[in-house]
């Protein structure tokens, strides 16, 4: 199970990446990989 701190760190990382105007297609793909992982952690917390 992930701690709230881990989820918060992931969220902040994603925000910084989204604010970067030089995002490439590959960067967007990687961003969504991180986003899906973070979302999975949140859902995991909700269901336990």
C-alpha atoms as a PDB file:
ATOM      1  CA  UNK A   1       0.000   0.000   0.000  1.00  0.00           C
ATOM      2  CA  UNK A   2       1.268   3.498  -0.833  1.00  0.00           C
ATOM      3  CA  UNK A   3       1.507   6.241   1.746  1.00  0.00           C
ATOM      4  CA  UNK A   4      -0.210   9.552   1.233  1.00  0.00           C
ATOM      5  CA  UNK A   5       3.238  11.127   0.973  1.00  0.00           C
ATOM      6  CA  UNK A   6       4.151   8.861  -1.971  1.00  0.00           C
ATOM      7  CA  UNK A   7       0.914   9.736  -3.766  1.00  0.00           C
ATOM      8  CA  UNK A   8       1.460  13.443  -3.083  1.00  0.00           C
ATOM      9  CA  UNK A   9       5.011  13.291  -4.463  1.00  0.00           C
ATOM     10  CA  UNK A  10       3.729  11.571  -7.608  1.00  0.00           C
ATOM     11  CA  UNK A  11       1.017  14.209  -8.000  1.00  0.00           C
ATOM     12  CA  UNK A  12       3.530  17.056  -7.691  1.00  0.00           C
ATOM     13  CA  UNK A  13       5.794  15.371 -10.258  1.00  0.00           C
ATOM     14  CA  UNK A  14       2.874  15.119 -12.693  1.00  0.00           C
ATOM     15  CA  UNK A  15       1.939  18.774 -12.198  1.00  0.00           C
ATOM     16  CA  UNK A  16       5.500  19.870 -12.950  1.00  0.00           C
ATOM     17  CA  UNK A  17       5.577  17.722 -16.080  1.00  0.00           C
ATOM     18  CA  UNK A  18       2.254  19.112 -17.316  1.00  0.00           C
ATOM     19  CA  UNK A  19       3.482  22.680 -16.801  1.00  0.00           C
ATOM     20  CA  UNK A  20       6.480  22.012 -19.078  1.00  0.00           C
ATOM     21  CA  UNK A  21       5.568  23.537 -22.447  1.00  0.00           C
ATOM     22  CA  UNK A  22       8.205  21.477 -24.236  1.00  0.00           C
ATOM     23  CA  UNK A  23       6.382  18.178 -23.718  1.00  0.00           C
ATOM     24  CA  UNK A  24       7.019  15.799 -26.607  1.00  0.00           C
ATOM     25  CA  UNK A  25       4.767  12.959 -27.699  1.00  0.00           C
ATOM     26  CA  UNK A  26       7.046  10.524 -25.851  1.00  0.00           C
ATOM     27  CA  UNK A  27       6.929  12.742 -22.784  1.00  0.00           C
ATOM     28  CA  UNK A  28       3.137  12.682 -22.851  1.00  0.00           C
ATOM     29  CA  UNK A  29       3.148   8.876 -23.082  1.00  0.00           C
ATOM     30  CA  UNK A  30       5.461   8.666 -20.068  1.00  0.00           C
ATOM     31  CA  UNK A  31       3.334  11.189 -18.192  1.00  0.00           C
ATOM     32  CA  UNK A  32       0.207   9.102 -18.675  1.00  0.00           C
ATOM     33  CA  UNK A  33       2.077   6.014 -17.497  1.00  0.00           C
ATOM     34  CA  UNK A  34       2.867   7.839 -14.240  1.00  0.00           C
ATOM     35  CA  UNK A  35      -0.682   9.188 -14.040  1.00  0.00           C
ATOM     36  CA  UNK A  36      -2.229   5.738 -14.398  1.00  0.00           C
ATOM     37  CA  UNK A  37       0.124   4.379 -11.720  1.00  0.00           C
ATOM     38  CA  UNK A  38      -0.781   7.200  -9.316  1.00  0.00           C
ATOM     39  CA  UNK A  39      -4.482   6.722 -10.026  1.00  0.00           C
ATOM     40  CA  UNK A  40      -4.106   3.013  -9.342  1.00  0.00           C
ATOM     41  CA  UNK A  41      -2.543   3.819  -5.967  1.00  0.00           C
ATOM     42  CA  UNK A  42      -5.448   6.081  -5.063  1.00  0.00           C
ATOM     43  CA  UNK A  43      -8.007   3.456  -6.101  1.00  0.00           C
ATOM     44  CA  UNK A  44      -6.065   0.818  -4.177  1.00  0.00           C
ATOM     45  CA  UNK A  45      -6.325   2.994  -1.051  1.00  0.00           C
ATOM     46  CA  UNK A  46     -10.060   3.545  -1.566  1.00  0.00           C
ATOM     47  CA  UNK A  47     -10.853  -0.156  -1.848  1.00  0.00           C
ATOM     48  CA  UNK A  48      -8.826  -1.342   1.145  1.00  0.00           C
END
